[in-house]
Amino acid sequence: MKNKKSFLPLIITLLPIFYGLILWTKLPFELPIHFNINGEVDRYANKVWLIIIWPIIATLLHR
């Protein structure tokens, strides 16, 4: 039973990778990740980092 319970969060954690790969060519190289109080972007991140690396790190931390 524990296997089924841990499978759903794993799928949810990996969904951004699949969704990001589907939209890969439509996304800019850098994506905004933080906005200041005025709503202006003040920090960007590489799409590789956001779409592939962070979900993998989250998956590893989930285990």
C-alpha atoms as a PDB file:
ATOM      1  CA  MET A   1       0.000   0.000   0.000  1.00  0.00           C
ATOM      2  CA  LYS A   2       2.884   2.372   0.696  1.00  0.00           C
ATOM      3  CA  ASN A   3       3.982   2.005  -2.899  1.00  0.00           C
ATOM      4  CA  LYS A   4       0.670   3.383  -4.216  1.00  0.00           C
ATOM      5  CA  LYS A   5       0.764   6.305  -1.792  1.00  0.00           C
ATOM      6  CA  SER A   6       4.239   7.388  -2.859  1.00  0.00           C
ATOM      7  CA  PHE A   7       3.511   6.935  -6.572  1.00  0.00           C
ATOM      8  CA  LEU A   8       0.984   9.793  -6.863  1.00  0.00           C
ATOM      9  CA  PRO A   9       3.261  12.516  -5.406  1.00  0.00           C
ATOM     10  CA  LEU A  10       6.059  11.249  -7.638  1.00  0.00           C
ATOM     11  CA  ILE A  11       3.857  11.678 -10.727  1.00  0.00           C
ATOM     12  CA  ILE A  12       2.762  15.145  -9.586  1.00  0.00           C
ATOM     13  CA  THR A  13       6.373  16.149  -8.959  1.00  0.00           C
ATOM     14  CA  LEU A  14       7.464  15.009 -12.420  1.00  0.00           C
ATOM     15  CA  LEU A  15       4.566  16.620 -14.323  1.00  0.00           C
ATOM     16  CA  PRO A  16       6.418  19.930 -14.852  1.00  0.00           C
ATOM     17  CA  ILE A  17       9.118  18.076 -16.784  1.00  0.00           C
ATOM     18  CA  PHE A  18       6.625  16.546 -19.202  1.00  0.00           C
ATOM     19  CA  TYR A  19       4.656  19.763 -19.574  1.00  0.00           C
ATOM     20  CA  GLY A  20       7.831  21.788 -20.022  1.00  0.00           C
ATOM     21  CA  LEU A  21       9.136  19.442 -22.696  1.00  0.00           C
ATOM     22  CA  ILE A  22       5.869  19.775 -24.595  1.00  0.00           C
ATOM     23  CA  LEU A  23       6.176  23.578 -24.530  1.00  0.00           C
ATOM     24  CA  TRP A  24       9.988  23.662 -24.838  1.00  0.00           C
ATOM     25  CA  THR A  25      10.167  25.435 -28.210  1.00  0.00           C
ATOM     26  CA  LYS A  26       7.548  28.018 -27.238  1.00  0.00           C
ATOM     27  CA  LEU A  27       9.257  29.056 -23.991  1.00  0.00           C
ATOM     28  CA  PRO A  28      11.926  31.772 -23.869  1.00  0.00           C
ATOM     29  CA  PHE A  29      15.422  30.804 -22.724  1.00  0.00           C
ATOM     30  CA  GLU A  30      14.996  32.705 -19.446  1.00  0.00           C
ATOM     31  CA  LEU A  31      11.782  32.641 -17.428  1.00  0.00           C
ATOM     32  CA  PRO A  32      10.820  35.089 -14.682  1.00  0.00           C
ATOM     33  CA  ILE A  33      10.893  33.556 -11.204  1.00  0.00           C
ATOM     34  CA  HIS A  34      10.557  36.544  -8.883  1.00  0.00           C
ATOM     35  CA  PHE A  35       8.637  39.806  -8.966  1.00  0.00           C
ATOM     36  CA  ASN A  36       9.117  42.891  -6.798  1.00  0.00           C
ATOM     37  CA  ILE A  37       6.337  44.716  -4.995  1.00  0.00           C
ATOM     38  CA  ASN A  38       5.583  46.752  -8.139  1.00  0.00           C
ATOM     39  CA  GLY A  39       5.029  43.622 -10.197  1.00  0.00           C
ATOM     40  CA  GLU A  40       8.269  44.002 -12.146  1.00  0.00           C
ATOM     41  CA  VAL A  41      10.460  40.986 -12.815  1.00  0.00           C
ATOM     42  CA  ASP A  42      13.668  41.187 -10.802  1.00  0.00           C
ATOM     43  CA  ARG A  43      14.991  37.642 -11.209  1.00  0.00           C
ATOM     44  CA  TYR A  44      15.152  35.197 -14.109  1.00  0.00           C
ATOM     45  CA  ALA A  45      16.127  31.539 -14.375  1.00  0.00           C
ATOM     46  CA  ASN A  46      17.245  29.358 -17.241  1.00  0.00           C
ATOM     47  CA  LYS A  47      14.447  27.136 -18.603  1.00  0.00           C
ATOM     48  CA  VAL A  48      16.643  24.027 -18.324  1.00  0.00           C
ATOM     49  CA  TRP A  49      17.065  24.689 -14.629  1.00  0.00           C
ATOM     50  CA  LEU A  50      13.355  25.297 -14.020  1.00  0.00           C
ATOM     51  CA  ILE A  51      11.863  22.585 -16.201  1.00  0.00           C
ATOM     52  CA  ILE A  52      14.287  19.718 -15.721  1.00  0.00           C
ATOM     53  CA  ILE A  53      16.642  20.178 -12.774  1.00  0.00           C
ATOM     54  CA  TRP A  54      14.273  21.541 -10.095  1.00  0.00           C
ATOM     55  CA  PRO A  55      11.631  18.823 -10.577  1.00  0.00           C
ATOM     56  CA  ILE A  56      14.362  16.175 -10.401  1.00  0.00           C
ATOM     57  CA  ILE A  57      15.682  17.693  -7.165  1.00  0.00           C
ATOM     58  CA  ALA A  58      12.151  17.772  -5.756  1.00  0.00           C
ATOM     59  CA  THR A  59      11.678  14.131  -6.739  1.00  0.00           C
ATOM     60  CA  LEU A  60      14.907  13.109  -5.042  1.00  0.00           C
ATOM     61  CA  LEU A  61      13.932  15.010  -1.890  1.00  0.00           C
ATOM     62  CA  HIS A  62      10.517  13.327  -1.945  1.00  0.00           C
ATOM     63  CA  ARG A  63      12.094   9.882  -1.627  1.00  0.00           C
END
